[in-house]
C-alpha atoms as a PDB file:
ATOM      1  CA  MET A   1      -0.002   0.002   0.000  1.00  0.00           C
ATOM      2  CA  ASN A   2       1.292   3.418  -0.932  1.00  0.00           C
ATOM      3  CA  THR A   3      -0.207   6.595   0.541  1.00  0.00           C
ATOM      4  CA  ALA A   4       0.417  10.080  -0.828  1.00  0.00           C
ATOM      5  CA  ARG A   5      -0.193  13.044   1.473  1.00  0.00           C
ATOM      6  CA  THR A   6      -1.137  16.351  -0.041  1.00  0.00           C
ATOM      7  CA  GLY A   7      -1.525  19.868   1.322  1.00  0.00           C
ATOM      8  CA  SER A   8      -5.323  19.660   1.150  1.00  0.00           C
ATOM      9  CA  LYS A   9      -7.808  16.813   1.275  1.00  0.00           C
ATOM     10  CA  LEU A  10      -8.554  15.196  -2.067  1.00  0.00           C
ATOM     11  CA  THR A  11     -12.131  14.797  -3.386  1.00  0.00           C
ATOM     12  CA  TYR A  12     -13.917  12.921  -6.158  1.00  0.00           C
ATOM     13  CA  ALA A  13     -12.908  15.711  -8.582  1.00  0.00           C
ATOM     14  CA  HIS A  14      -9.263  14.744  -7.950  1.00  0.00           C
ATOM     15  CA  TYR A  15     -10.059  11.035  -7.958  1.00  0.00           C
ATOM     16  CA  VAL A  16     -11.371  11.007 -11.532  1.00  0.00           C
ATOM     17  CA  LEU A  17      -8.005  12.392 -12.684  1.00  0.00           C
ATOM     18  CA  PHE A  18      -5.997   9.428 -11.347  1.00  0.00           C
ATOM     19  CA  PRO A  19      -4.414   7.292 -14.094  1.00  0.00           C
ATOM     20  CA  ASP A  20      -6.019   4.081 -15.341  1.00  0.00           C
ATOM     21  CA  ASP A  21      -2.828   2.097 -14.702  1.00  0.00           C
ATOM     22  CA  GLY A  22      -4.112  -1.262 -13.430  1.00  0.00           C
ATOM     23  CA  ARG A  23      -3.581  -0.316  -9.799  1.00  0.00           C
ATOM     24  CA  ARG A  24      -6.341   0.365  -7.283  1.00  0.00           C
ATOM     25  CA  HIS A  25      -6.576   4.074  -6.469  1.00  0.00           C
ATOM     26  CA  GLU A  26      -8.674   5.212  -3.507  1.00  0.00           C
ATOM     27  CA  ILE A  27      -9.039   8.304  -1.339  1.00  0.00           C
ATOM     28  CA  ILE A  28      -9.290   7.763   2.403  1.00  0.00           C
ATOM     29  CA  ASP A  29      -9.674  10.773   4.649  1.00  0.00           C
ATOM     30  CA  GLY A  30      -8.528  12.943   1.752  1.00  0.00           C
ATOM     31  CA  ASP A  31      -5.286  11.002   1.140  1.00  0.00           C
ATOM     32  CA  HIS A  32      -4.453   9.092  -2.052  1.00  0.00           C
ATOM     33  CA  VAL A  33      -3.997   5.358  -1.383  1.00  0.00           C
ATOM     34  CA  VAL A  34      -2.654   3.004  -4.087  1.00  0.00           C
ATOM     35  CA  ASN A  35      -2.507  -0.810  -4.137  1.00  0.00           C
ATOM     36  CA  PRO A  36      -1.365  -3.189  -6.878  1.00  0.00           C
ATOM     37  CA  ALA A  37      -3.891  -5.198  -8.873  1.00  0.00           C
ATOM     38  CA  PRO A  38      -5.208  -8.275  -7.027  1.00  0.00           C
ATOM     39  CA  SER A  39      -3.850 -11.801  -7.503  1.00  0.00           C
ATOM     40  CA  PRO A  40      -5.656 -14.582  -9.412  1.00  0.00           C
ATOM     41  CA  ARG A  41      -6.535 -16.320  -6.097  1.00  0.00           C
ATOM     42  CA  HIS A  42      -7.955 -13.085  -4.715  1.00  0.00           C
ATOM     43  CA  GLN A  43     -10.091 -12.606  -7.829  1.00  0.00           C
ATOM     44  CA  ALA A  44     -11.318 -16.215  -7.782  1.00  0.00           C
ATOM     45  CA  ILE A  45     -12.595 -15.722  -4.230  1.00  0.00           C
ATOM     46  CA  VAL A  46     -14.285 -12.421  -5.125  1.00  0.00           C
ATOM     47  CA  LEU A  47     -16.012 -14.049  -8.097  1.00  0.00           C
ATOM     48  CA  ALA A  48     -17.141 -17.070  -6.045  1.00  0.00           C
ATOM     49  CA  LEU A  49     -18.685 -14.776  -3.431  1.00  0.00           C
ATOM     50  CA  ALA A  50     -20.252 -12.587  -6.111  1.00  0.00           C
ATOM     51  CA  ASN A  51     -21.677 -15.612  -7.925  1.00  0.00           C
ATOM     52  CA  GLN A  52     -23.474 -16.827  -4.789  1.00  0.00           C
ATOM     53  CA  LEU A  53     -24.773 -13.343  -3.990  1.00  0.00           C
ATOM     54  CA  LEU A  54     -25.937 -12.862  -7.576  1.00  0.00           C
ATOM     55  CA  GLN A  55     -27.942 -16.101  -7.373  1.00  0.00           C
ATOM     56  CA  ARG A  56     -29.340 -15.536  -3.876  1.00  0.00           C
ATOM     57  CA  VAL A  57     -29.801 -11.758  -3.773  1.00  0.00           C
ATOM     58  CA  GLN A  58     -29.751 -10.138  -7.200  1.00  0.00           C
ATOM     59  CA  GLN A  59     -31.647 -12.747  -9.252  1.00  0.00           C
ATOM     60  CA  PRO A  60     -34.578 -12.861  -6.796  1.00  0.00           C
ATOM     61  CA  GLY A  61     -34.701  -9.046  -6.895  1.00  0.00           C
ATOM     62  CA  LEU A  62     -33.574  -8.402  -3.317  1.00  0.00           C
ATOM     63  CA  GLY A  63     -30.669  -6.135  -4.247  1.00  0.00           C
ATOM     64  CA  GLN A  64     -27.782  -5.332  -6.569  1.00  0.00           C
ATOM     65  CA  VAL A  65     -24.269  -6.836  -6.412  1.00  0.00           C
ATOM     66  CA  PHE A  66     -21.167  -5.075  -7.724  1.00  0.00           C
ATOM     67  CA  VAL A  67     -17.540  -6.197  -7.934  1.00  0.00           C
ATOM     68  CA  SER A  68     -14.460  -4.014  -8.138  1.00  0.00           C
ATOM     69  CA  PRO A  69     -13.697  -1.772  -9.824  1.00  0.00           C
ATOM     70  CA  ILE A  70     -16.684   0.242  -8.637  1.00  0.00           C
ATOM     71  CA  ASP A  71     -16.368   3.700  -7.121  1.00  0.00           C
ATOM     72  CA  VAL A  72     -18.031   4.108  -3.725  1.00  0.00           C
ATOM     73  CA  GLU A  73     -18.132   7.677  -2.402  1.00  0.00           C
ATOM     74  CA  LEU A  74     -18.755   7.445   1.326  1.00  0.00           C
ATOM     75  CA  SER A  75     -18.027  11.134   1.960  1.00  0.00           C
ATOM     76  CA  PRO A  76     -16.475  14.005  -0.004  1.00  0.00           C
ATOM     77  CA  HIS A  77     -13.014  12.822   1.128  1.00  0.00           C
ATOM     78  CA  ASP A  78     -13.549   9.021   1.129  1.00  0.00           C
ATOM     79  CA  ILE A  79     -13.773   7.238  -2.224  1.00  0.00           C
ATOM     80  CA  VAL A  80     -13.016   3.504  -2.193  1.00  0.00           C
ATOM     81  CA  GLN A  81     -13.155   0.485  -4.474  1.00  0.00           C
ATOM     82  CA  PRO A  82     -14.226  -2.451  -2.309  1.00  0.00           C
ATOM     83  CA  ASP A  83     -13.855  -5.952  -3.720  1.00  0.00           C
ATOM     84  CA  LEU A  84     -17.602  -6.545  -3.498  1.00  0.00           C
ATOM     85  CA  VAL A  85     -20.587  -4.339  -2.697  1.00  0.00           C
ATOM     86  CA  LEU A  86     -24.222  -5.215  -2.038  1.00  0.00           C
ATOM     87  CA  ILE A  87     -27.023  -2.666  -2.092  1.00  0.00           C
ATOM     88  CA  LEU A  88     -30.502  -3.790  -1.062  1.00  0.00           C
ATOM     89  CA  LYS A  89     -33.377  -2.791  -3.330  1.00  0.00           C
ATOM     90  CA  GLU A  90     -34.757  -0.374  -0.756  1.00  0.00           C
ATOM     91  CA  HIS A  91     -31.493   1.616  -0.884  1.00  0.00           C
ATOM     92  CA  ARG A  92     -30.938   1.626  -4.660  1.00  0.00           C
ATOM     93  CA  GLU A  93     -31.146   5.439  -4.750  1.00  0.00           C
ATOM     94  CA  ILE A  94     -27.451   5.521  -3.781  1.00  0.00           C
ATOM     95  CA  ILE A  95     -26.590   3.962  -7.164  1.00  0.00           C
ATOM     96  CA  THR A  96     -25.844   6.808  -9.587  1.00  0.00           C
ATOM     97  CA  PRO A  97     -24.794   6.587 -13.241  1.00  0.00           C
ATOM     98  CA  LYS A  98     -21.096   7.072 -12.310  1.00  0.00           C
ATOM     99  CA  LYS A  99     -20.689   5.712  -8.792  1.00  0.00           C
ATOM    100  CA  ILE A 100     -22.291   4.550  -5.598  1.00  0.00           C
ATOM    101  CA  LYS A 101     -22.841   7.585  -3.400  1.00  0.00           C
ATOM    102  CA  GLY A 102     -23.485   6.552   0.190  1.00  0.00           C
ATOM    103  CA  ALA A 103     -23.066   3.537   2.441  1.00  0.00           C
ATOM    104  CA  PRO A 104     -23.772   0.144   0.809  1.00  0.00           C
ATOM    105  CA  ASP A 105     -25.546  -2.492   2.906  1.00  0.00           C
ATOM    106  CA  LEU A 106     -22.589  -4.883   2.689  1.00  0.00           C
ATOM    107  CA  ILE A 107     -18.949  -4.355   1.780  1.00  0.00           C
ATOM    108  CA  VAL A 108     -16.554  -7.269   1.334  1.00  0.00           C
ATOM    109  CA  GLU A 109     -12.765  -6.940   1.240  1.00  0.00           C
ATOM    110  CA  VAL A 110     -10.591  -9.950   0.391  1.00  0.00           C
ATOM    111  CA  LEU A 111      -7.179  -9.681   2.013  1.00  0.00           C
ATOM    112  CA  SER A 112      -3.966  -9.611   0.033  1.00  0.00           C
ATOM    113  CA  ASP A 113      -0.421  -9.011   1.238  1.00  0.00           C
ATOM    114  CA  SER A 114      -0.560  -5.367   0.180  1.00  0.00           C
ATOM    115  CA  SER A 115      -4.028  -4.624   1.612  1.00  0.00           C
ATOM    116  CA  GLU A 116      -4.289  -6.514   4.905  1.00  0.00           C
ATOM    117  CA  GLN A 117      -3.371  -3.624   7.192  1.00  0.00           C
ATOM    118  CA  LEU A 118      -5.548  -1.191   5.237  1.00  0.00           C
ATOM    119  CA  ASP A 119      -8.571  -3.534   5.223  1.00  0.00           C
ATOM    120  CA  ARG A 120      -8.305  -4.519   8.904  1.00  0.00           C
ATOM    121  CA  THR A 121      -7.763  -1.054  10.346  1.00  0.00           C
ATOM    122  CA  LEU A 122      -8.251   2.037   8.199  1.00  0.00           C
ATOM    123  CA  LYS A 123     -11.075   0.702   6.029  1.00  0.00           C
ATOM    124  CA  ARG A 124     -12.832  -1.001   8.924  1.00  0.00           C
ATOM    125  CA  GLU A 125     -12.845   2.316  10.803  1.00  0.00           C
ATOM    126  CA  LEU A 126     -13.969   4.161   7.666  1.00  0.00           C
ATOM    127  CA  TYR A 127     -16.840   1.750   6.938  1.00  0.00           C
ATOM    128  CA  GLN A 128     -17.968   1.911  10.556  1.00  0.00           C
ATOM    129  CA  ARG A 129     -17.857   5.739  10.527  1.00  0.00           C
ATOM    130  CA  ALA A 130     -19.749   5.816   7.203  1.00  0.00           C
ATOM    131  CA  GLY A 131     -22.518   3.598   8.607  1.00  0.00           C
ATOM    132  CA  VAL A 132     -21.982   0.470   6.481  1.00  0.00           C
ATOM    133  CA  PRO A 133     -24.272  -2.062   8.249  1.00  0.00           C
ATOM    134  CA  GLU A 134     -22.168  -5.140   7.455  1.00  0.00           C
ATOM    135  CA  TYR A 135     -18.484  -5.588   6.578  1.00  0.00           C
ATOM    136  CA  TRP A 136     -16.704  -8.848   5.781  1.00  0.00           C
ATOM    137  CA  ILE A 137     -12.959  -9.348   5.794  1.00  0.00           C
ATOM    138  CA  VAL A 138     -12.107 -12.510   3.860  1.00  0.00           C
ATOM    139  CA  ASP A 139      -8.733 -14.113   4.615  1.00  0.00           C
ATOM    140  CA  PRO A 140      -7.753 -16.505   1.783  1.00  0.00           C
ATOM    141  CA  GLY A 141      -4.672 -17.815   3.610  1.00  0.00           C
ATOM    142  CA  GLU A 142      -6.566 -18.836   6.734  1.00  0.00           C
ATOM    143  CA  GLN A 143      -9.805 -19.595   4.855  1.00  0.00           C
ATOM    144  CA  GLU A 144     -11.705 -17.477   7.354  1.00  0.00           C
ATOM    145  CA  THR A 145     -14.217 -14.674   7.068  1.00  0.00           C
ATOM    146  CA  GLU A 146     -14.693 -12.024   9.740  1.00  0.00           C
ATOM    147  CA  GLN A 147     -18.240 -10.658   9.726  1.00  0.00           C
ATOM    148  CA  TYR A 148     -18.623  -7.243  11.342  1.00  0.00           C
ATOM    149  CA  VAL A 149     -22.127  -5.996  12.124  1.00  0.00           C
ATOM    150  CA  LEU A 150     -22.771  -2.337  12.902  1.00  0.00           C
ATOM    151  CA  GLU A 151     -24.336  -1.713  16.297  1.00  0.00           C
ATOM    152  CA  PRO A 152     -24.981   1.629  18.044  1.00  0.00           C
ATOM    153  CA  ASP A 153     -21.513   1.591  19.633  1.00  0.00           C
ATOM    154  CA  GLY A 154     -19.666   0.435  16.488  1.00  0.00           C
ATOM    155  CA  TYR A 155     -18.786  -2.810  14.725  1.00  0.00           C
ATOM    156  CA  ARG A 156     -19.179  -6.091  16.560  1.00  0.00           C
ATOM    157  CA  LEU A 157     -17.521  -9.259  15.299  1.00  0.00           C
ATOM    158  CA  HIS A 158     -20.367 -11.697  14.623  1.00  0.00           C
ATOM    159  CA  GLN A 159     -19.854 -15.428  15.064  1.00  0.00           C
ATOM    160  CA  HIS A 160     -20.943 -17.711  12.223  1.00  0.00           C
ATOM    161  CA  SER A 161     -20.532 -21.338  11.260  1.00  0.00           C
ATOM    162  CA  ALA A 162     -17.497 -22.451   9.292  1.00  0.00           C
ATOM    163  CA  GLU A 163     -19.744 -23.730   6.484  1.00  0.00           C
ATOM    164  CA  THR A 164     -22.369 -21.022   6.000  1.00  0.00           C
ATOM    165  CA  LEU A 165     -22.197 -17.286   6.533  1.00  0.00           C
ATOM    166  CA  ARG A 166     -25.653 -15.705   6.879  1.00  0.00           C
ATOM    167  CA  LEU A 167     -25.982 -12.081   5.878  1.00  0.00           C
ATOM    168  CA  GLN A 168     -27.155  -9.921   8.749  1.00  0.00           C
ATOM    169  CA  VAL A 169     -28.746  -7.455   6.322  1.00  0.00           C
ATOM    170  CA  LEU A 170     -30.666 -10.374   4.724  1.00  0.00           C
ATOM    171  CA  PRO A 171     -30.807 -13.205   7.293  1.00  0.00           C
ATOM    172  CA  GLU A 172     -32.583 -15.559   4.882  1.00  0.00           C
ATOM    173  CA  VAL A 173     -29.510 -15.510   2.598  1.00  0.00           C
ATOM    174  CA  GLY A 174     -26.399 -17.554   3.285  1.00  0.00           C
ATOM    175  CA  VAL A 175     -23.065 -17.983   1.518  1.00  0.00           C
ATOM    176  CA  GLU A 176     -21.515 -21.453   1.354  1.00  0.00           C
ATOM    177  CA  LEU A 177     -17.909 -20.811   2.367  1.00  0.00           C
ATOM    178  CA  GLY A 178     -16.654 -24.252   1.310  1.00  0.00           C
ATOM    179  CA  GLN A 179     -17.574 -23.404  -2.292  1.00  0.00           C
ATOM    180  CA  VAL A 180     -15.651 -20.136  -1.999  1.00  0.00           C
ATOM    181  CA  TRP A 181     -12.455 -21.839  -0.795  1.00  0.00           C
ATOM    182  CA  ARG A 182     -12.721 -24.602  -3.407  1.00  0.00           C
ATOM    183  CA  SER A 183     -12.969 -21.975  -6.169  1.00  0.00           C
ATOM    184  CA  ALA A 184      -9.465 -20.769  -5.301  1.00  0.00           C
ATOM    185  CA  ALA A 185      -7.866 -24.153  -4.639  1.00  0.00           C
ATOM    186  CA  GLY A 186      -4.551 -24.513  -6.420  1.00  0.00           C
ATOM    187  CA  LEU A 187      -4.164 -20.802  -7.173  1.00  0.00           C
END
């Protein structure tokens, strides 16, 4: 992760001027943050999660699923590109023609060597502050998923089974974690 500090806080107007160079550019608290493109294993896990959410949430009309790159503007000085975003149908007004403007119902970040510290600390604090109701941190190395649920006093780590992770924003929907890990086997 590379962070560039500037004299003033950056905004979306600055963000759209960043180069399309295959790296992930974000603005967090007005600072430019850059990460390399994700690995094949990382992408396989993102796609496996997205596939299940597409089948169980988007196809039945419960919400919309997006995978990175997708711009999410959480505040004038916080523009991120989460690995996966879910917006329930009752909140679809935050989907604009160019970006998502506001807090999605679920954000998923899949850890990589370059993003682990950012995802576990800075982004977790940002998503909590922005009011994202549910945040998952997916650890491919440990084959574990941390599910954070927003409560009045902040995020609480929610316990779930090793086989199925039930969405807190849609309790009737579960993700089969074994399928996710098998999708990245050998990568």
